[in-house]
PDB file of all heavy atoms in Angstrom:
ATOM      1  N   VAL A   1       2.706 -11.236  16.075  1.00  0.00           N
ATOM      2  CA  VAL A   1       4.126 -11.500  16.336  1.00  0.00           C
ATOM      3  C   VAL A   1       4.720 -10.203  17.038  1.00  0.00           C
ATOM      4  O   VAL A   1       4.188  -9.098  16.760  1.00  0.00           O
ATOM      5  CB  VAL A   1       4.941 -11.899  15.131  1.00  0.00           C
ATOM      6  CG1 VAL A   1       4.369 -13.266  14.578  1.00  0.00           C
ATOM      7  CG2 VAL A   1       4.848 -10.865  13.994  1.00  0.00           C
ATOM      8  N   PRO A   2       5.841 -10.353  17.789  1.00  0.00           N
ATOM      9  CA  PRO A   2       6.391  -9.176  18.395  1.00  0.00           C
ATOM     10  C   PRO A   2       6.979  -8.270  17.458  1.00  0.00           C
ATOM     11  O   PRO A   2       7.041  -7.046  17.683  1.00  0.00           O
ATOM     12  CB  PRO A   2       7.355  -9.716  19.446  1.00  0.00           C
ATOM     13  CG  PRO A   2       7.662 -11.108  18.935  1.00  0.00           C
ATOM     14  CD  PRO A   2       6.461 -11.585  18.214  1.00  0.00           C
ATOM     15  N   SER A   3       7.629  -8.631  16.373  1.00  0.00           N
ATOM     16  CA  SER A   3       8.308  -7.771  15.500  1.00  0.00           C
ATOM     17  C   SER A   3       8.327  -8.313  14.106  1.00  0.00           C
ATOM     18  O   SER A   3       8.145  -9.585  13.956  1.00  0.00           O
ATOM     19  CB  SER A   3       9.695  -7.502  15.988  1.00  0.00           C
ATOM     20  OG  SER A   3      10.414  -8.677  15.945  1.00  0.00           O
ATOM     21  N   VAL A   4       8.533  -7.584  13.120  1.00  0.00           N
ATOM     22  CA  VAL A   4       8.636  -7.976  11.722  1.00  0.00           C
ATOM     23  C   VAL A   4       9.841  -7.190  11.070  1.00  0.00           C
ATOM     24  O   VAL A   4      10.039  -6.060  11.200  1.00  0.00           O
ATOM     25  CB  VAL A   4       7.331  -7.503  10.863  1.00  0.00           C
ATOM     26  CG1 VAL A   4       7.460  -7.731   9.478  1.00  0.00           C
ATOM     27  CG2 VAL A   4       6.101  -8.190  11.522  1.00  0.00           C
ATOM     28  N   GLU A   5      10.607  -8.110  10.382  1.00  0.00           N
ATOM     29  CA  GLU A   5      11.758  -7.487   9.555  1.00  0.00           C
ATOM     30  C   GLU A   5      11.159  -6.855   8.246  1.00  0.00           C
ATOM     31  O   GLU A   5      10.193  -7.492   7.670  1.00  0.00           O
ATOM     32  CB  GLU A   5      12.731  -8.571   9.256  1.00  0.00           C
ATOM     33  CG  GLU A   5      13.474  -9.074  10.485  1.00  0.00           C
ATOM     34  CD  GLU A   5      14.559 -10.108  10.182  1.00  0.00           C
ATOM     35  OE1 GLU A   5      15.101 -10.075   9.037  1.00  0.00           O
ATOM     36  OE2 GLU A   5      14.774 -10.974  11.086  1.00  0.00           O
ATOM     37  N   THR A   6      11.783  -5.773   7.907  1.00  0.00           N
ATOM     38  CA  THR A   6      11.175  -5.168   6.623  1.00  0.00           C
ATOM     39  C   THR A   6      11.409  -5.881   5.278  1.00  0.00           C
ATOM     40  O   THR A   6      10.608  -5.630   4.444  1.00  0.00           O
ATOM     41  CB  THR A   6      11.840  -3.702   6.514  1.00  0.00           C
ATOM     42  OG1 THR A   6      13.195  -3.844   6.336  1.00  0.00           O
ATOM     43  CG2 THR A   6      11.431  -2.825   7.635  1.00  0.00           C
ATOM     44  N   ASP A   7      12.276  -6.787   5.379  1.00  0.00           N
ATOM     45  CA  ASP A   7      12.550  -7.674   4.168  1.00  0.00           C
ATOM     46  C   ASP A   7      11.918  -9.055   4.317  1.00  0.00           C
ATOM     47  O   ASP A   7      12.096  -9.891   3.405  1.00  0.00           O
ATOM     48  CB  ASP A   7      13.989  -7.751   3.724  1.00  0.00           C
ATOM     49  CG  ASP A   7      14.864  -8.443   4.879  1.00  0.00           C
ATOM     50  OD1 ASP A   7      14.366  -8.545   5.991  1.00  0.00           O
ATOM     51  OD2 ASP A   7      15.970  -8.829   4.592  1.00  0.00           O
ATOM     52  N   ALA A   8      11.197  -9.351   5.324  1.00  0.00           N
ATOM     53  CA  ALA A   8      10.560 -10.646   5.559  1.00  0.00           C
ATOM     54  C   ALA A   8       9.360 -10.860   4.538  1.00  0.00           C
ATOM     55  O   ALA A   8       8.657  -9.944   4.248  1.00  0.00           O
ATOM     56  CB  ALA A   8      10.084 -10.749   6.976  1.00  0.00           C
ATOM     57  N   ASN A   9       9.212 -12.029   4.055  1.00  0.00           N
ATOM     58  CA  ASN A   9       8.226 -12.375   3.172  1.00  0.00           C
ATOM     59  C   ASN A   9       6.904 -12.585   4.000  1.00  0.00           C
ATOM     60  O   ASN A   9       6.920 -13.525   4.865  1.00  0.00           O
ATOM     61  CB  ASN A   9       8.463 -13.635   2.391  1.00  0.00           C
ATOM     62  CG  ASN A   9       7.381 -14.011   1.360  1.00  0.00           C
ATOM     63  OD1 ASN A   9       6.226 -14.189   1.706  1.00  0.00           O
ATOM     64  ND2 ASN A   9       7.730 -14.154   0.171  1.00  0.00           N
ATOM     65  N   PHE A  10       5.868 -11.813   3.729  1.00  0.00           N
ATOM     66  CA  PHE A  10       4.609 -11.930   4.463  1.00  0.00           C
ATOM     67  C   PHE A  10       4.070 -13.385   4.578  1.00  0.00           C
ATOM     68  O   PHE A  10       3.610 -13.766   5.633  1.00  0.00           O
ATOM     69  CB  PHE A  10       3.525 -11.116   3.846  1.00  0.00           C
ATOM     70  CG  PHE A  10       2.185 -11.022   4.488  1.00  0.00           C
ATOM     71  CD1 PHE A  10       1.980 -10.318   5.663  1.00  0.00           C
ATOM     72  CD2 PHE A  10       1.051 -11.678   4.045  1.00  0.00           C
ATOM     73  CE1 PHE A  10       0.833 -10.141   6.306  1.00  0.00           C
ATOM     74  CE2 PHE A  10      -0.134 -11.608   4.714  1.00  0.00           C
ATOM     75  CZ  PHE A  10      -0.275 -10.863   5.868  1.00  0.00           C
ATOM     76  N   PHE A  11       4.065 -14.083   3.527  1.00  0.00           N
ATOM     77  CA  PHE A  11       3.497 -15.404   3.502  1.00  0.00           C
ATOM     78  C   PHE A  11       4.478 -16.505   4.276  1.00  0.00           C
ATOM     79  O   PHE A  11       3.998 -17.472   4.780  1.00  0.00           O
ATOM     80  CB  PHE A  11       3.169 -15.901   2.025  1.00  0.00           C
ATOM     81  CG  PHE A  11       2.213 -15.007   1.463  1.00  0.00           C
ATOM     82  CD1 PHE A  11       2.618 -14.101   0.474  1.00  0.00           C
ATOM     83  CD2 PHE A  11       0.896 -15.010   1.793  1.00  0.00           C
ATOM     84  CE1 PHE A  11       1.683 -13.209  -0.164  1.00  0.00           C
ATOM     85  CE2 PHE A  11       0.041 -14.208   1.243  1.00  0.00           C
ATOM     86  CZ  PHE A  11       0.418 -13.296   0.261  1.00  0.00           C
ATOM     87  N   ASP A  12       5.749 -16.194   4.285  1.00  0.00           N
ATOM     88  CA  ASP A  12       6.647 -17.052   5.055  1.00  0.00           C
ATOM     89  C   ASP A  12       6.647 -16.902   6.590  1.00  0.00           C
ATOM     90  O   ASP A  12       7.006 -17.771   7.285  1.00  0.00           O
ATOM     91  CB  ASP A  12       8.130 -16.852   4.528  1.00  0.00           C
ATOM     92  CG  ASP A  12       8.275 -17.356   3.133  1.00  0.00           C
ATOM     93  OD1 ASP A  12       7.433 -18.070   2.611  1.00  0.00           O
ATOM     94  OD2 ASP A  12       9.426 -16.835   2.549  1.00  0.00           O
ATOM     95  N   ILE A  13       6.117 -15.779   6.965  1.00  0.00           N
ATOM     96  CA  ILE A  13       6.014 -15.526   8.346  1.00  0.00           C
ATOM     97  C   ILE A  13       4.727 -15.702   9.031  1.00  0.00           C
ATOM     98  O   ILE A  13       4.334 -15.104  10.081  1.00  0.00           O
ATOM     99  CB  ILE A  13       6.709 -14.193   8.906  1.00  0.00           C
ATOM    100  CG1 ILE A  13       5.917 -12.966   8.171  1.00  0.00           C
ATOM    101  CG2 ILE A  13       8.173 -14.065   8.490  1.00  0.00           C
ATOM    102  CD1 ILE A  13       6.369 -11.621   8.585  1.00  0.00           C
ATOM    103  N   GLY A  14       3.839 -16.351   8.359  1.00  0.00           N
ATOM    104  CA  GLY A  14       2.499 -16.757   8.884  1.00  0.00           C
ATOM    105  C   GLY A  14       1.324 -16.044   8.229  1.00  0.00           C
ATOM    106  O   GLY A  14       0.204 -16.258   8.528  1.00  0.00           O
ATOM    107  N   GLY A  15       1.590 -15.240   7.219  1.00  0.00           N
ATOM    108  CA  GLY A  15       0.461 -14.547   6.500  1.00  0.00           C
ATOM    109  C   GLY A  15      -0.258 -15.443   5.513  1.00  0.00           C
ATOM    110  O   GLY A  15       0.407 -16.434   5.068  1.00  0.00           O
ATOM    111  N   ASP A  16      -1.504 -15.149   5.222  1.00  0.00           N
ATOM    112  CA  ASP A  16      -2.274 -15.898   4.231  1.00  0.00           C
ATOM    113  C   ASP A  16      -3.057 -14.796   3.486  1.00  0.00           C
ATOM    114  O   ASP A  16      -3.053 -13.571   3.736  1.00  0.00           O
ATOM    115  CB  ASP A  16      -3.069 -17.001   4.851  1.00  0.00           C
ATOM    116  CG  ASP A  16      -4.111 -16.564   5.880  1.00  0.00           C
ATOM    117  OD1 ASP A  16      -4.480 -15.410   5.780  1.00  0.00           O
ATOM    118  OD2 ASP A  16      -4.281 -17.296   6.777  1.00  0.00           O
ATOM    119  N   SER A  17      -3.905 -15.211   2.565  1.00  0.00           N
ATOM    120  CA  SER A  17      -4.689 -14.288   1.792  1.00  0.00           C
ATOM    121  C   SER A  17      -5.644 -13.496   2.556  1.00  0.00           C
ATOM    122  O   SER A  17      -5.899 -12.366   2.354  1.00  0.00           O
ATOM    123  CB  SER A  17      -5.349 -15.022   0.596  1.00  0.00           C
ATOM    124  OG  SER A  17      -6.197 -15.978   1.111  1.00  0.00           O
ATOM    125  N   MET A  18      -6.305 -14.175   3.642  1.00  0.00           N
ATOM    126  CA  MET A  18      -7.240 -13.482   4.471  1.00  0.00           C
ATOM    127  C   MET A  18      -6.502 -12.409   5.338  1.00  0.00           C
ATOM    128  O   MET A  18      -7.022 -11.310   5.600  1.00  0.00           O
ATOM    129  CB  MET A  18      -7.986 -14.473   5.337  1.00  0.00           C
ATOM    130  CG  MET A  18      -8.864 -15.408   4.495  1.00  0.00           C
ATOM    131  SD  MET A  18     -10.000 -14.568   3.339  1.00  0.00           S
ATOM    132  CE  MET A  18     -11.137 -13.805   4.389  1.00  0.00           C
ATOM    133  N   LYS A  19      -5.308 -12.841   5.853  1.00  0.00           N
ATOM    134  CA  LYS A  19      -4.590 -11.843   6.651  1.00  0.00           C
ATOM    135  C   LYS A  19      -4.063 -10.729   5.761  1.00  0.00           C
ATOM    136  O   LYS A  19      -3.979  -9.572   6.213  1.00  0.00           O
ATOM    137  CB  LYS A  19      -3.393 -12.503   7.344  1.00  0.00           C
ATOM    138  CG  LYS A  19      -3.912 -13.460   8.504  1.00  0.00           C
ATOM    139  CD  LYS A  19      -2.790 -14.174   9.214  1.00  0.00           C
ATOM    140  CE  LYS A  19      -3.448 -15.009  10.301  1.00  0.00           C
ATOM    141  NZ  LYS A  19      -2.356 -15.863  10.809  1.00  0.00           N
ATOM    142  N   ALA A  20      -3.700 -10.922   4.458  1.00  0.00           N
ATOM    143  CA  ALA A  20      -3.394  -9.802   3.578  1.00  0.00           C
ATOM    144  C   ALA A  20      -4.460  -8.908   3.409  1.00  0.00           C
ATOM    145  O   ALA A  20      -4.247  -7.696   3.303  1.00  0.00           O
ATOM    146  CB  ALA A  20      -2.946 -10.472   2.246  1.00  0.00           C
ATOM    147  N   MET A  21      -5.758  -9.458   3.365  1.00  0.00           N
ATOM    148  CA  MET A  21      -6.908  -8.552   3.188  1.00  0.00           C
ATOM    149  C   MET A  21      -7.000  -7.643   4.429  1.00  0.00           C
ATOM    150  O   MET A  21      -7.413  -6.549   4.358  1.00  0.00           O
ATOM    151  CB  MET A  21      -8.090  -9.449   2.900  1.00  0.00           C
ATOM    152  CG  MET A  21      -8.111 -10.184   1.715  1.00  0.00           C
ATOM    153  SD  MET A  21      -7.764  -9.245   0.239  1.00  0.00           S
ATOM    154  CE  MET A  21      -8.909  -8.011   0.283  1.00  0.00           C
ATOM    155  N   GLU A  22      -6.820  -8.286   5.658  1.00  0.00           N
ATOM    156  CA  GLU A  22      -6.888  -7.510   6.893  1.00  0.00           C
ATOM    157  C   GLU A  22      -5.719  -6.376   6.880  1.00  0.00           C
ATOM    158  O   GLU A  22      -6.040  -5.220   7.220  1.00  0.00           O
ATOM    159  CB  GLU A  22      -6.661  -8.441   8.064  1.00  0.00           C
ATOM    160  CG  GLU A  22      -6.894  -7.707   9.318  1.00  0.00           C
ATOM    161  CD  GLU A  22      -6.761  -8.626  10.583  1.00  0.00           C
ATOM    162  OE1 GLU A  22      -6.836  -9.850  10.302  1.00  0.00           O
ATOM    163  OE2 GLU A  22      -6.701  -8.093  11.730  1.00  0.00           O
ATOM    164  N   VAL A  23      -4.570  -6.688   6.360  1.00  0.00           N
ATOM    165  CA  VAL A  23      -3.559  -5.650   6.293  1.00  0.00           C
ATOM    166  C   VAL A  23      -3.944  -4.606   5.338  1.00  0.00           C
ATOM    167  O   VAL A  23      -3.902  -3.422   5.589  1.00  0.00           O
ATOM    168  CB  VAL A  23      -2.268  -6.283   5.762  1.00  0.00           C
ATOM    169  CG1 VAL A  23      -1.232  -5.176   5.364  1.00  0.00           C
ATOM    170  CG2 VAL A  23      -1.621  -7.160   6.884  1.00  0.00           C
ATOM    171  N   ILE A  24      -4.595  -4.879   4.161  1.00  0.00           N
ATOM    172  CA  ILE A  24      -4.993  -3.881   3.161  1.00  0.00           C
ATOM    173  C   ILE A  24      -6.037  -3.021   3.831  1.00  0.00           C
ATOM    174  O   ILE A  24      -5.994  -1.803   3.689  1.00  0.00           O
ATOM    175  CB  ILE A  24      -5.555  -4.574   1.963  1.00  0.00           C
ATOM    176  CG1 ILE A  24      -4.408  -5.161   1.154  1.00  0.00           C
ATOM    177  CG2 ILE A  24      -6.316  -3.574   1.094  1.00  0.00           C
ATOM    178  CD1 ILE A  24      -4.799  -6.012  -0.046  1.00  0.00           C
ATOM    179  N   LEU A  25      -7.004  -3.583   4.603  1.00  0.00           N
ATOM    180  CA  LEU A  25      -7.990  -2.766   5.304  1.00  0.00           C
ATOM    181  C   LEU A  25      -7.335  -1.816   6.276  1.00  0.00           C
ATOM    182  O   LEU A  25      -7.700  -0.617   6.318  1.00  0.00           O
ATOM    183  CB  LEU A  25      -9.038  -3.650   5.902  1.00  0.00           C
ATOM    184  CG  LEU A  25     -10.097  -2.971   6.840  1.00  0.00           C
ATOM    185  CD1 LEU A  25     -10.945  -2.046   5.863  1.00  0.00           C
ATOM    186  CD2 LEU A  25     -10.921  -3.979   7.567  1.00  0.00           C
ATOM    187  N   ARG A  26      -6.389  -2.266   7.075  1.00  0.00           N
ATOM    188  CA  ARG A  26      -5.718  -1.534   8.093  1.00  0.00           C
ATOM    189  C   ARG A  26      -4.886  -0.394   7.411  1.00  0.00           C
ATOM    190  O   ARG A  26      -4.806   0.683   7.915  1.00  0.00           O
ATOM    191  CB  ARG A  26      -4.939  -2.374   8.989  1.00  0.00           C
ATOM    192  CG  ARG A  26      -5.794  -3.515   9.676  1.00  0.00           C
ATOM    193  CD  ARG A  26      -6.006  -3.557  11.118  1.00  0.00           C
ATOM    194  NE  ARG A  26      -5.241  -2.857  11.973  1.00  0.00           N
ATOM    195  CZ  ARG A  26      -4.468  -3.416  12.826  1.00  0.00           C
ATOM    196  NH1 ARG A  26      -4.259  -4.639  12.951  1.00  0.00           N
ATOM    197  NH2 ARG A  26      -3.797  -2.553  13.828  1.00  0.00           N
ATOM    198  N   VAL A  27      -4.287  -0.700   6.412  1.00  0.00           N
ATOM    199  CA  VAL A  27      -3.392   0.333   5.608  1.00  0.00           C
ATOM    200  C   VAL A  27      -4.356   1.393   5.151  1.00  0.00           C
ATOM    201  O   VAL A  27      -4.017   2.596   5.314  1.00  0.00           O
ATOM    202  CB  VAL A  27      -2.700  -0.300   4.427  1.00  0.00           C
ATOM    203  CG1 VAL A  27      -2.094   0.698   3.444  1.00  0.00           C
ATOM    204  CG2 VAL A  27      -1.499  -1.183   4.928  1.00  0.00           C
ATOM    205  N   SER A  28      -5.482   1.014   4.651  1.00  0.00           N
ATOM    206  CA  SER A  28      -6.465   2.041   4.245  1.00  0.00           C
ATOM    207  C   SER A  28      -6.812   2.930   5.391  1.00  0.00           C
ATOM    208  O   SER A  28      -7.022   4.209   5.263  1.00  0.00           O
ATOM    209  CB  SER A  28      -7.687   1.438   3.621  1.00  0.00           C
ATOM    210  OG  SER A  28      -8.622   2.349   3.258  1.00  0.00           O
ATOM    211  N   GLU A  29      -7.127   2.377   6.551  1.00  0.00           N
ATOM    212  CA  GLU A  29      -7.582   3.117   7.705  1.00  0.00           C
ATOM    213  C   GLU A  29      -6.383   3.903   8.284  1.00  0.00           C
ATOM    214  O   GLU A  29      -6.645   5.071   8.775  1.00  0.00           O
ATOM    215  CB  GLU A  29      -8.010   2.147   8.839  1.00  0.00           C
ATOM    216  CG  GLU A  29      -9.325   1.432   8.436  1.00  0.00           C
ATOM    217  CD  GLU A  29      -9.693   0.344   9.534  1.00  0.00           C
ATOM    218  OE1 GLU A  29      -8.803  -0.084  10.273  1.00  0.00           O
ATOM    219  OE2 GLU A  29     -10.787  -0.286   9.333  1.00  0.00           O
ATOM    220  N   VAL A  30      -5.277   3.441   8.396  1.00  0.00           N
ATOM    221  CA  VAL A  30      -4.142   4.035   9.116  1.00  0.00           C
ATOM    222  C   VAL A  30      -3.286   5.043   8.194  1.00  0.00           C
ATOM    223  O   VAL A  30      -2.998   6.098   8.520  1.00  0.00           O
ATOM    224  CB  VAL A  30      -3.184   3.029   9.723  1.00  0.00           C
ATOM    225  CG1 VAL A  30      -1.875   3.725  10.344  1.00  0.00           C
ATOM    226  CG2 VAL A  30      -3.889   2.201  10.836  1.00  0.00           C
TER     227      VAL A  30
END
């Protein structure tokens, strides 16, 4: 998505458990 609001719910804007895992991996890397 082009942008994300800081108070948006991850699961309400298209996130799921697998995408959450991808975020966790990227947070670890970045």
